[in-house]
């Protein structure tokens, strides 16, 4: 089996998450997208969320100095 096919299947977006904005949040989001010419809102939301998730994982990762007690 071609390993690229398996990788492509793992990267395929097939899971859906829904959330709601109130009127003011939606208005702000739409203004932001218009101002910064964001055409693909789904991509923008996905990248913004995943950036925060990965940055938090990085902050939470134990370092060598975490194990030293004063």
PDB file of N, CA and C in Angstrom:
ATOM      1  N   UNK A   1       0.847  -1.204   0.000  1.00  0.00           N
ATOM      2  CA  UNK A   1       0.000   0.000   0.000  1.00  0.00           C
ATOM      3  C   UNK A   1       0.877   1.247   0.000  1.00  0.00           C
ATOM      4  N   UNK A   2       0.487   2.202  -0.763  1.00  0.00           N
ATOM      5  CA  UNK A   2       1.229   3.449  -0.872  1.00  0.00           C
ATOM      6  C   UNK A   2       1.100   4.246   0.433  1.00  0.00           C
ATOM      7  N   UNK A   3       2.232   4.588   1.102  1.00  0.00           N
ATOM      8  CA  UNK A   3       2.148   5.328   2.371  1.00  0.00           C
ATOM      9  C   UNK A   3       1.558   6.727   2.206  1.00  0.00           C
ATOM     10  N   UNK A   4       1.650   7.291   1.006  1.00  0.00           N
ATOM     11  CA  UNK A   4       1.078   8.624   0.779  1.00  0.00           C
ATOM     12  C   UNK A   4      -0.445   8.610   0.851  1.00  0.00           C
ATOM     13  N   UNK A   5      -1.058   7.507   0.450  1.00  0.00           N
ATOM     14  CA  UNK A   5      -2.512   7.390   0.518  1.00  0.00           C
ATOM     15  C   UNK A   5      -2.964   7.399   1.974  1.00  0.00           C
ATOM     16  N   UNK A   6      -2.291   6.650   2.831  1.00  0.00           N
ATOM     17  CA  UNK A   6      -2.635   6.604   4.252  1.00  0.00           C
ATOM     18  C   UNK A   6      -2.457   7.981   4.891  1.00  0.00           C
ATOM     19  N   UNK A   7      -1.390   8.677   4.540  1.00  0.00           N
ATOM     20  CA  UNK A   7      -1.139  10.023   5.077  1.00  0.00           C
ATOM     21  C   UNK A   7      -2.227  10.989   4.626  1.00  0.00           C
ATOM     22  N   UNK A   8      -2.598  10.916   3.361  1.00  0.00           N
ATOM     23  CA  UNK A   8      -3.649  11.794   2.846  1.00  0.00           C
ATOM     24  C   UNK A   8      -4.972  11.546   3.568  1.00  0.00           C
ATOM     25  N   UNK A   9      -5.269  10.296   3.853  1.00  0.00           N
ATOM     26  CA  UNK A   9      -6.521   9.966   4.550  1.00  0.00           C
ATOM     27  C   UNK A   9      -6.507  10.533   5.971  1.00  0.00           C
ATOM     28  N   UNK A  10      -5.368  10.467   6.641  1.00  0.00           N
ATOM     29  CA  UNK A  10      -5.261  11.012   8.000  1.00  0.00           C
ATOM     30  C   UNK A  10      -5.436  12.528   8.013  1.00  0.00           C
ATOM     31  N   UNK A  11      -5.006  13.179   6.937  1.00  0.00           N
ATOM     32  CA  UNK A  11      -5.088  14.638   6.868  1.00  0.00           C
ATOM     33  C   UNK A  11      -6.423  15.139   6.324  1.00  0.00           C
ATOM     34  N   UNK A  12      -7.242  14.242   5.811  1.00  0.00           N
ATOM     35  CA  UNK A  12      -8.540  14.638   5.262  1.00  0.00           C
ATOM     36  C   UNK A  12      -9.441  15.159   6.377  1.00  0.00           C
ATOM     37  N   UNK A  13     -10.053  16.304   6.157  1.00  0.00           N
ATOM     38  CA  UNK A  13     -10.932  16.902   7.173  1.00  0.00           C
ATOM     39  C   UNK A  13     -12.318  16.290   7.045  1.00  0.00           C
ATOM     40  N   UNK A  14     -12.672  15.493   8.046  1.00  0.00           N
ATOM     41  CA  UNK A  14     -13.965  14.816   8.016  1.00  0.00           C
ATOM     42  C   UNK A  14     -14.749  15.008   9.314  1.00  0.00           C
ATOM     43  N   UNK A  15     -14.135  15.665  10.287  1.00  0.00           N
ATOM     44  CA  UNK A  15     -14.786  15.899  11.576  1.00  0.00           C
ATOM     45  C   UNK A  15     -15.246  17.352  11.650  1.00  0.00           C
ATOM     46  N   UNK A  16     -16.445  17.522  12.147  1.00  0.00           N
ATOM     47  CA  UNK A  16     -17.060  18.841  12.161  1.00  0.00           C
ATOM     48  C   UNK A  16     -17.273  19.300  13.592  1.00  0.00           C
ATOM     49  N   UNK A  17     -16.973  20.578  13.843  1.00  0.00           N
ATOM     50  CA  UNK A  17     -17.254  21.208  15.127  1.00  0.00           C
ATOM     51  C   UNK A  17     -18.077  22.452  14.825  1.00  0.00           C
ATOM     52  N   UNK A  18     -19.135  22.637  15.573  1.00  0.00           N
ATOM     53  CA  UNK A  18     -19.980  23.816  15.382  1.00  0.00           C
ATOM     54  C   UNK A  18     -19.946  24.657  16.649  1.00  0.00           C
ATOM     55  N   UNK A  19     -20.001  25.967  16.475  1.00  0.00           N
ATOM     56  CA  UNK A  19     -20.126  26.870  17.605  1.00  0.00           C
ATOM     57  C   UNK A  19     -20.946  28.070  17.162  1.00  0.00           C
ATOM     58  N   UNK A  20     -21.407  28.827  18.126  1.00  0.00           N
ATOM     59  CA  UNK A  20     -22.304  29.946  17.829  1.00  0.00           C
ATOM     60  C   UNK A  20     -21.675  31.270  18.246  1.00  0.00           C
ATOM     61  N   UNK A  21     -21.937  32.302  17.454  1.00  0.00           N
ATOM     62  CA  UNK A  21     -21.585  33.677  17.793  1.00  0.00           C
ATOM     63  C   UNK A  21     -22.864  34.410  18.184  1.00  0.00           C
ATOM     64  N   UNK A  22     -22.744  35.374  19.095  1.00  0.00           N
ATOM     65  CA  UNK A  22     -23.880  36.271  19.273  1.00  0.00           C
ATOM     66  C   UNK A  22     -23.787  37.335  18.175  1.00  0.00           C
ATOM     67  N   UNK A  23     -24.756  38.204  18.100  1.00  0.00           N
ATOM     68  CA  UNK A  23     -24.798  39.179  17.009  1.00  0.00           C
ATOM     69  C   UNK A  23     -23.568  40.085  16.984  1.00  0.00           C
ATOM     70  N   UNK A  24     -23.123  40.554  18.165  1.00  0.00           N
ATOM     71  CA  UNK A  24     -21.976  41.454  18.225  1.00  0.00           C
ATOM     72  C   UNK A  24     -20.681  40.738  17.845  1.00  0.00           C
ATOM     73  N   UNK A  25     -20.526  39.497  18.281  1.00  0.00           N
ATOM     74  CA  UNK A  25     -19.338  38.715  17.929  1.00  0.00           C
ATOM     75  C   UNK A  25     -19.278  38.474  16.420  1.00  0.00           C
ATOM     76  N   UNK A  26     -20.408  38.124  15.842  1.00  0.00           N
ATOM     77  CA  UNK A  26     -20.447  37.871  14.401  1.00  0.00           C
ATOM     78  C   UNK A  26     -20.142  39.142  13.613  1.00  0.00           C
ATOM     79  N   UNK A  27     -20.686  40.248  14.063  1.00  0.00           N
ATOM     80  CA  UNK A  27     -20.416  41.525  13.396  1.00  0.00           C
ATOM     81  C   UNK A  27     -18.923  41.854  13.464  1.00  0.00           C
ATOM     82  N   UNK A  28     -18.316  41.672  14.627  1.00  0.00           N
ATOM     83  CA  UNK A  28     -16.883  41.940  14.784  1.00  0.00           C
ATOM     84  C   UNK A  28     -16.062  40.999  13.910  1.00  0.00           C
ATOM     85  N   UNK A  29     -16.428  39.729  13.887  1.00  0.00           N
ATOM     86  CA  UNK A  29     -15.707  38.749  13.075  1.00  0.00           C
ATOM     87  C   UNK A  29     -15.790  39.090  11.596  1.00  0.00           C
ATOM     88  N   UNK A  30     -16.972  39.433  11.139  1.00  0.00           N
ATOM     89  CA  UNK A  30     -17.148  39.788   9.728  1.00  0.00           C
ATOM     90  C   UNK A  30     -16.390  41.061   9.360  1.00  0.00           C
ATOM     91  N   UNK A  31     -16.379  42.046  10.265  1.00  0.00           N
ATOM     92  CA  UNK A  31     -15.614  43.273  10.014  1.00  0.00           C
ATOM     93  C   UNK A  31     -14.119  42.960   9.939  1.00  0.00           C
ATOM     94  N   UNK A  32     -13.640  42.100  10.836  1.00  0.00           N
ATOM     95  CA  UNK A  32     -12.234  41.703  10.843  1.00  0.00           C
ATOM     96  C   UNK A  32     -11.872  41.029   9.519  1.00  0.00           C
ATOM     97  N   UNK A  33     -12.710  40.101   9.091  1.00  0.00           N
ATOM     98  CA  UNK A  33     -12.452  39.377   7.841  1.00  0.00           C
ATOM     99  C   UNK A  33     -12.460  40.322   6.641  1.00  0.00           C
ATOM    100  N   UNK A  34     -13.362  41.289   6.647  1.00  0.00           N
ATOM    101  CA  UNK A  34     -13.410  42.257   5.555  1.00  0.00           C
ATOM    102  C   UNK A  34     -12.172  43.148   5.578  1.00  0.00           C
ATOM    103  N   UNK A  35     -11.808  43.628   6.745  1.00  0.00           N
ATOM    104  CA  UNK A  35     -10.661  44.532   6.870  1.00  0.00           C
ATOM    105  C   UNK A  35      -9.367  43.868   6.416  1.00  0.00           C
ATOM    106  N   UNK A  36      -9.173  42.612   6.809  1.00  0.00           N
ATOM    107  CA  UNK A  36      -7.928  41.914   6.496  1.00  0.00           C
ATOM    108  C   UNK A  36      -8.060  40.984   5.283  1.00  0.00           C
ATOM    109  N   UNK A  37      -9.151  41.158   4.548  1.00  0.00           N
ATOM    110  CA  UNK A  37      -9.385  40.424   3.292  1.00  0.00           C
ATOM    111  C   UNK A  37      -9.250  38.909   3.455  1.00  0.00           C
ATOM    112  N   UNK A  38      -9.890  38.401   4.497  1.00  0.00           N
ATOM    113  CA  UNK A  38      -9.904  36.961   4.743  1.00  0.00           C
ATOM    114  C   UNK A  38     -11.072  36.380   3.964  1.00  0.00           C
ATOM    115  N   UNK A  39     -10.759  35.593   2.967  1.00  0.00           N
ATOM    116  CA  UNK A  39     -11.798  35.016   2.122  1.00  0.00           C
ATOM    117  C   UNK A  39     -12.246  33.647   2.616  1.00  0.00           C
ATOM    118  N   UNK A  40     -11.334  32.876   3.173  1.00  0.00           N
ATOM    119  CA  UNK A  40     -11.657  31.533   3.655  1.00  0.00           C
ATOM    120  C   UNK A  40     -11.765  31.573   5.177  1.00  0.00           C
ATOM    121  N   UNK A  41     -12.969  31.824   5.671  1.00  0.00           N
ATOM    122  CA  UNK A  41     -13.182  31.974   7.108  1.00  0.00           C
ATOM    123  C   UNK A  41     -12.947  30.663   7.852  1.00  0.00           C
ATOM    124  N   UNK A  42     -13.306  29.553   7.261  1.00  0.00           N
ATOM    125  CA  UNK A  42     -13.095  28.252   7.889  1.00  0.00           C
ATOM    126  C   UNK A  42     -11.611  28.007   8.128  1.00  0.00           C
ATOM    127  N   UNK A  43     -10.806  28.277   7.113  1.00  0.00           N
ATOM    128  CA  UNK A  43      -9.354  28.107   7.236  1.00  0.00           C
ATOM    129  C   UNK A  43      -8.803  29.036   8.308  1.00  0.00           C
ATOM    130  N   UNK A  44      -9.273  30.282   8.328  1.00  0.00           N
ATOM    131  CA  UNK A  44      -8.815  31.252   9.314  1.00  0.00           C
ATOM    132  C   UNK A  44      -9.127  30.785  10.733  1.00  0.00           C
ATOM    133  N   UNK A  45     -10.357  30.340  10.962  1.00  0.00           N
ATOM    134  CA  UNK A  45     -10.749  29.877  12.297  1.00  0.00           C
ATOM    135  C   UNK A  45      -9.929  28.662  12.690  1.00  0.00           C
ATOM    136  N   UNK A  46      -9.801  27.698  11.778  1.00  0.00           N
ATOM    137  CA  UNK A  46      -9.042  26.473  12.060  1.00  0.00           C
ATOM    138  C   UNK A  46      -7.594  26.806  12.417  1.00  0.00           C
ATOM    139  N   UNK A  47      -6.946  27.646  11.617  1.00  0.00           N
ATOM    140  CA  UNK A  47      -5.546  27.985  11.864  1.00  0.00           C
ATOM    141  C   UNK A  47      -5.380  28.772  13.167  1.00  0.00           C
ATOM    142  N   UNK A  48      -6.320  29.659  13.450  1.00  0.00           N
ATOM    143  CA  UNK A  48      -6.249  30.447  14.679  1.00  0.00           C
ATOM    144  C   UNK A  48      -6.382  29.550  15.907  1.00  0.00           C
ATOM    145  N   UNK A  49      -7.325  28.648  15.884  1.00  0.00           N
ATOM    146  CA  UNK A  49      -7.530  27.732  17.011  1.00  0.00           C
ATOM    147  C   UNK A  49      -6.323  26.814  17.177  1.00  0.00           C
ATOM    148  N   UNK A  50      -5.861  26.220  16.079  1.00  0.00           N
ATOM    149  CA  UNK A  50      -4.748  25.275  16.174  1.00  0.00           C
ATOM    150  C   UNK A  50      -3.457  25.971  16.594  1.00  0.00           C
ATOM    151  N   UNK A  51      -3.263  27.221  16.213  1.00  0.00           N
ATOM    152  CA  UNK A  51      -2.097  27.980  16.668  1.00  0.00           C
ATOM    153  C   UNK A  51      -2.124  28.105  18.183  1.00  0.00           C
ATOM    154  N   UNK A  52      -3.269  28.451  18.741  1.00  0.00           N
ATOM    155  CA  UNK A  52      -3.397  28.582  20.195  1.00  0.00           C
ATOM    156  C   UNK A  52      -3.184  27.234  20.883  1.00  0.00           C
ATOM    157  N   UNK A  53      -3.772  26.179  20.349  1.00  0.00           N
ATOM    158  CA  UNK A  53      -3.635  24.844  20.945  1.00  0.00           C
ATOM    159  C   UNK A  53      -2.161  24.427  20.971  1.00  0.00           C
ATOM    160  N   UNK A  54      -1.479  24.572  19.849  1.00  0.00           N
ATOM    161  CA  UNK A  54      -0.073  24.150  19.781  1.00  0.00           C
ATOM    162  C   UNK A  54       0.827  25.024  20.644  1.00  0.00           C
ATOM    163  N   UNK A  55       0.549  26.317  20.720  1.00  0.00           N
ATOM    164  CA  UNK A  55       1.327  27.190  21.597  1.00  0.00           C
ATOM    165  C   UNK A  55       1.124  26.812  23.054  1.00  0.00           C
ATOM    166  N   UNK A  56      -0.103  26.458  23.444  1.00  0.00           N
ATOM    167  CA  UNK A  56      -0.359  26.045  24.826  1.00  0.00           C
ATOM    168  C   UNK A  56       0.347  24.731  25.132  1.00  0.00           C
ATOM    169  N   UNK A  57       0.322  23.781  24.189  1.00  0.00           N
ATOM    170  CA  UNK A  57       1.062  22.529  24.369  1.00  0.00           C
ATOM    171  C   UNK A  57       2.545  22.829  24.587  1.00  0.00           C
ATOM    172  N   UNK A  58       3.077  23.753  23.816  1.00  0.00           N
ATOM    173  CA  UNK A  58       4.489  24.119  23.935  1.00  0.00           C
ATOM    174  C   UNK A  58       4.772  24.724  25.310  1.00  0.00           C
ATOM    175  N   UNK A  59       3.883  25.599  25.792  1.00  0.00           N
ATOM    176  CA  UNK A  59       4.065  26.211  27.114  1.00  0.00           C
ATOM    177  C   UNK A  59       3.960  25.174  28.225  1.00  0.00           C
ATOM    178  N   UNK A  60       3.129  24.164  28.037  1.00  0.00           N
ATOM    179  CA  UNK A  60       2.915  23.142  29.064  1.00  0.00           C
ATOM    180  C   UNK A  60       3.980  22.057  29.063  1.00  0.00           C
ATOM    181  N   UNK A  61       4.781  21.987  28.004  1.00  0.00           N
ATOM    182  CA  UNK A  61       5.764  20.917  27.880  1.00  0.00           C
ATOM    183  C   UNK A  61       6.815  21.071  28.973  1.00  0.00           C
ATOM    184  N   UNK A  62       7.076  19.999  29.719  1.00  0.00           N
ATOM    185  CA  UNK A  62       8.071  20.121  30.789  1.00  0.00           C
ATOM    186  C   UNK A  62       9.468  20.372  30.222  1.00  0.00           C
ATOM    187  N   UNK A  63      10.210  21.189  30.908  1.00  0.00           N
ATOM    188  CA  UNK A  63      11.583  21.451  30.485  1.00  0.00           C
ATOM    189  C   UNK A  63      12.547  20.878  31.521  1.00  0.00           C
ATOM    190  N   UNK A  64      13.804  20.899  31.204  1.00  0.00           N
ATOM    191  CA  UNK A  64      14.826  20.381  32.090  1.00  0.00           C
ATOM    192  C   UNK A  64      14.772  21.082  33.445  1.00  0.00           C
ATOM    193  N   UNK A  65      14.478  22.371  33.446  1.00  0.00           N
ATOM    194  CA  UNK A  65      14.530  23.144  34.678  1.00  0.00           C
ATOM    195  C   UNK A  65      13.259  23.017  35.510  1.00  0.00           C
ATOM    196  N   UNK A  66      12.204  22.445  34.969  1.00  0.00           N
ATOM    197  CA  UNK A  66      10.984  22.233  35.752  1.00  0.00           C
ATOM    198  C   UNK A  66      11.199  21.237  36.881  1.00  0.00           C
ATOM    199  N   UNK A  67      12.159  20.332  36.717  1.00  0.00           N
ATOM    200  CA  UNK A  67      12.351  19.276  37.720  1.00  0.00           C
ATOM    201  C   UNK A  67      13.287  19.706  38.857  1.00  0.00           C
ATOM    202  N   UNK A  68      13.910  20.870  38.755  1.00  0.00           N
ATOM    203  CA  UNK A  68      14.819  21.336  39.798  1.00  0.00           C
ATOM    204  C   UNK A  68      14.016  22.065  40.871  1.00  0.00           C
ATOM    205  N   UNK A  69      14.146  21.588  42.095  1.00  0.00           N
ATOM    206  CA  UNK A  69      13.449  22.231  43.205  1.00  0.00           C
ATOM    207  C   UNK A  69      14.395  23.198  43.897  1.00  0.00           C
ATOM    208  N   UNK A  70      13.867  24.310  44.335  1.00  0.00           N
ATOM    209  CA  UNK A  70      14.700  25.303  45.008  1.00  0.00           C
ATOM    210  C   UNK A  70      14.753  25.029  46.485  1.00  0.00           C
TER     211      UNK A  70
END
